[in-house]
Amino acid sequence: MLEKLRKYQEYMLLLPVALMLAACMGPVETPTVTASEAPPSSTPSA
């Protein structure tokens, strides 16, 4: 039970970070997986 709660807490901490990363790497509608796998050249220069 405690393990599950800790895992859930980790997800809640990682989710906003993953979303921000996805928003920085490409369009907002891009899934987090494809955003993290996108080449660094696709990142905006701004």
Protein backbone atom coordinates (compact mmCIF):
# COMPACT_ATOMS: atom_id res chain seq x y z
CA MET A 1 0.00 0.00 0.00
CA LEU A 2 2.73 2.44 0.97
CA GLU A 3 4.78 1.49 -2.08
CA LYS A 4 1.83 2.33 -4.32
CA LEU A 5 1.40 5.70 -2.66
CA ARG A 6 5.07 6.52 -3.07
CA LYS A 7 4.91 5.56 -6.73
CA TYR A 8 1.85 7.77 -7.19
CA GLN A 9 3.65 10.65 -5.51
CA GLU A 10 6.58 10.23 -7.89
CA TYR A 11 4.25 10.37 -10.87
CA MET A 12 2.60 13.54 -9.57
CA LEU A 13 6.06 15.13 -9.26
CA LEU A 14 7.25 13.94 -12.68
CA LEU A 15 4.10 14.76 -14.63
CA PRO A 16 4.41 18.58 -14.59
CA VAL A 17 8.10 18.28 -15.44
CA ALA A 18 7.37 15.99 -18.38
CA LEU A 19 4.64 18.33 -19.58
CA MET A 20 6.95 21.33 -19.41
CA LEU A 21 9.63 19.40 -21.29
CA ALA A 22 7.14 18.43 -23.98
CA ALA A 23 5.95 22.03 -24.29
CA CYS A 24 9.55 23.24 -24.67
CA MET A 25 10.53 20.57 -27.19
CA GLY A 26 7.59 20.93 -29.58
CA PRO A 27 3.88 21.54 -30.06
CA VAL A 28 1.71 21.21 -26.96
CA GLU A 29 -0.30 18.36 -28.49
CA THR A 30 2.85 16.26 -28.89
CA PRO A 31 2.89 13.26 -26.53
CA THR A 32 5.62 13.24 -23.88
CA VAL A 33 7.21 10.08 -25.32
CA THR A 34 7.74 11.48 -28.81
CA ALA A 35 8.89 14.79 -27.33
CA SER A 36 11.65 13.12 -25.32
CA GLU A 37 12.69 11.07 -28.36
CA ALA A 38 12.77 14.07 -30.71
CA PRO A 39 16.21 15.13 -31.95
CA PRO A 40 17.77 18.16 -30.20
CA SER A 41 17.68 20.03 -33.53
CA SER A 42 13.88 20.22 -33.30
CA THR A 43 14.07 22.41 -30.18
CA PRO A 44 13.26 26.09 -30.76
CA SER A 45 16.26 28.44 -30.67
CA ALA A 46 14.27 30.84 -28.48
